[in-house]
Amino acid sequence: MAAITGDWLEALRPEFSKPYYRDLFAFVQQEYRTRTIYPPAQDLFNALHETPLGSVRAVILGQDPYHGEGQAHGMCFSVRPG
């Protein structure tokens, strides 16, 4: 999976050692190994890479219904050009 970096890494680091996070991380890794998952693993945290934590005022969690290859790229309600 893509790495979480920068200011997001510092904000989220306390969660990484918690049991729920370790379980979730292991589950997601297994899903990527055994199933077709969108977005591709390298794009999973694109939103965090494109948005500095200091500019965030709200976070909306949801699920986009991407079902085809090449659509999901880690940015909510968005597809790649083309």
C-alpha atoms as a PDB file:
ATOM      1  CA  MET A   1       0.000   0.000   0.000  1.00  0.00           C
ATOM      2  CA  ALA A   2       1.019   3.583  -0.476  1.00  0.00           C
ATOM      3  CA  ALA A   3       2.681   5.230   2.480  1.00  0.00           C
ATOM      4  CA  ILE A   4       1.114   7.982   4.540  1.00  0.00           C
ATOM      5  CA  THR A   5       3.639  10.806   4.698  1.00  0.00           C
ATOM      6  CA  GLY A   6       4.170  14.354   5.927  1.00  0.00           C
ATOM      7  CA  ASP A   7       1.833  16.092   8.338  1.00  0.00           C
ATOM      8  CA  TRP A   8      -0.778  13.355   7.936  1.00  0.00           C
ATOM      9  CA  LEU A   9       1.758  10.802   9.141  1.00  0.00           C
ATOM     10  CA  GLU A  10       2.421  12.779  12.302  1.00  0.00           C
ATOM     11  CA  ALA A  11      -1.307  13.215  12.987  1.00  0.00           C
ATOM     12  CA  LEU A  12      -2.151   9.549  12.394  1.00  0.00           C
ATOM     13  CA  ARG A  13       0.965   7.917  13.873  1.00  0.00           C
ATOM     14  CA  PRO A  14      -0.638   7.317  17.327  1.00  0.00           C
ATOM     15  CA  GLU A  15      -3.278   5.124  15.658  1.00  0.00           C
ATOM     16  CA  PHE A  16      -0.809   2.775  13.958  1.00  0.00           C
ATOM     17  CA  SER A  17       0.013   0.802  17.098  1.00  0.00           C
ATOM     18  CA  LYS A  18      -3.593   0.341  18.205  1.00  0.00           C
ATOM     19  CA  PRO A  19      -5.161  -3.117  17.814  1.00  0.00           C
ATOM     20  CA  TYR A  20      -8.030  -1.938  15.595  1.00  0.00           C
ATOM     21  CA  TYR A  21      -5.582  -0.326  13.158  1.00  0.00           C
ATOM     22  CA  ARG A  22      -3.272  -3.344  13.013  1.00  0.00           C
ATOM     23  CA  ASP A  23      -6.280  -5.586  12.331  1.00  0.00           C
ATOM     24  CA  LEU A  24      -7.637  -3.237   9.674  1.00  0.00           C
ATOM     25  CA  PHE A  25      -4.239  -2.884   8.000  1.00  0.00           C
ATOM     26  CA  ALA A  26      -3.785  -6.678   7.874  1.00  0.00           C
ATOM     27  CA  PHE A  27      -7.300  -7.111   6.470  1.00  0.00           C
ATOM     28  CA  VAL A  28      -6.784  -4.522   3.728  1.00  0.00           C
ATOM     29  CA  GLN A  29      -3.417  -6.029   2.772  1.00  0.00           C
ATOM     30  CA  GLN A  30      -5.030  -9.466   2.494  1.00  0.00           C
ATOM     31  CA  GLU A  31      -7.852  -8.087   0.367  1.00  0.00           C
ATOM     32  CA  TYR A  32      -5.366  -6.472  -2.024  1.00  0.00           C
ATOM     33  CA  ARG A  33      -3.446  -9.768  -2.271  1.00  0.00           C
ATOM     34  CA  THR A  34      -6.485 -11.943  -2.966  1.00  0.00           C
ATOM     35  CA  ARG A  35      -9.074  -9.770  -4.720  1.00  0.00           C
ATOM     36  CA  THR A  36      -9.456  -7.016  -7.266  1.00  0.00           C
ATOM     37  CA  ILE A  37      -9.574  -3.823  -5.206  1.00  0.00           C
ATOM     38  CA  TYR A  38     -10.037  -0.228  -6.349  1.00  0.00           C
ATOM     39  CA  PRO A  39      -8.214   2.091  -6.211  1.00  0.00           C
ATOM     40  CA  PRO A  40      -4.866   0.447  -6.894  1.00  0.00           C
ATOM     41  CA  ALA A  41      -2.831   0.210  -3.684  1.00  0.00           C
ATOM     42  CA  GLN A  42      -0.392   2.922  -4.781  1.00  0.00           C
ATOM     43  CA  ASP A  43      -3.319   5.371  -5.112  1.00  0.00           C
ATOM     44  CA  LEU A  44      -5.018   4.542  -1.815  1.00  0.00           C
ATOM     45  CA  PHE A  45      -3.922   7.698   0.016  1.00  0.00           C
ATOM     46  CA  ASN A  46      -3.848  10.152  -2.923  1.00  0.00           C
ATOM     47  CA  ALA A  47      -6.247  12.480  -1.134  1.00  0.00           C
ATOM     48  CA  LEU A  48      -3.821  12.771   1.792  1.00  0.00           C
ATOM     49  CA  HIS A  49      -0.885  13.383  -0.545  1.00  0.00           C
ATOM     50  CA  GLU A  50      -2.750  16.137  -2.404  1.00  0.00           C
ATOM     51  CA  THR A  51      -4.233  17.911   0.620  1.00  0.00           C
ATOM     52  CA  PRO A  52      -2.099  19.372   3.415  1.00  0.00           C
ATOM     53  CA  LEU A  53      -3.587  18.575   6.810  1.00  0.00           C
ATOM     54  CA  GLY A  54      -3.476  22.248   7.787  1.00  0.00           C
ATOM     55  CA  SER A  55      -5.941  23.148   5.035  1.00  0.00           C
ATOM     56  CA  VAL A  56      -8.554  20.560   6.079  1.00  0.00           C
ATOM     57  CA  ARG A  57     -11.668  21.803   7.870  1.00  0.00           C
ATOM     58  CA  ALA A  58     -13.848  18.706   7.537  1.00  0.00           C
ATOM     59  CA  VAL A  59     -13.400  15.079   6.538  1.00  0.00           C
ATOM     60  CA  ILE A  60     -16.285  13.258   4.889  1.00  0.00           C
ATOM     61  CA  LEU A  61     -16.073   9.474   4.874  1.00  0.00           C
ATOM     62  CA  GLY A  62     -17.978   7.567   2.265  1.00  0.00           C
ATOM     63  CA  GLN A  63     -17.806   4.901  -0.371  1.00  0.00           C
ATOM     64  CA  ASP A  64     -17.702   5.585  -4.081  1.00  0.00           C
ATOM     65  CA  PRO A  65     -19.184   2.833  -6.249  1.00  0.00           C
ATOM     66  CA  TYR A  66     -16.230   2.419  -8.606  1.00  0.00           C
ATOM     67  CA  HIS A  67     -16.585  -0.902 -10.337  1.00  0.00           C
ATOM     68  CA  GLY A  68     -14.306  -0.686 -13.330  1.00  0.00           C
ATOM     69  CA  GLU A  69     -10.582  -0.729 -13.866  1.00  0.00           C
ATOM     70  CA  GLY A  70      -8.990   2.692 -14.253  1.00  0.00           C
ATOM     71  CA  GLN A  71     -11.787   4.641 -12.549  1.00  0.00           C
ATOM     72  CA  ALA A  72     -10.823   4.913  -8.884  1.00  0.00           C
ATOM     73  CA  HIS A  73      -7.625   6.781  -8.072  1.00  0.00           C
ATOM     74  CA  GLY A  74      -7.907   7.680  -4.404  1.00  0.00           C
ATOM     75  CA  MET A  75      -9.825  10.928  -4.864  1.00  0.00           C
ATOM     76  CA  CYS A  76     -13.460  10.917  -3.818  1.00  0.00           C
ATOM     77  CA  PHE A  77     -16.162  11.518  -6.448  1.00  0.00           C
ATOM     78  CA  SER A  78     -13.573  11.688  -9.187  1.00  0.00           C
ATOM     79  CA  VAL A  79     -12.241   9.617 -12.053  1.00  0.00           C
ATOM     80  CA  ARG A  80      -9.099  10.029 -14.112  1.00  0.00           C
ATOM     81  CA  PRO A  81      -9.451  11.920 -17.404  1.00  0.00           C
ATOM     82  CA  GLY A  82     -10.383   9.839 -20.403  1.00  0.00           C
END
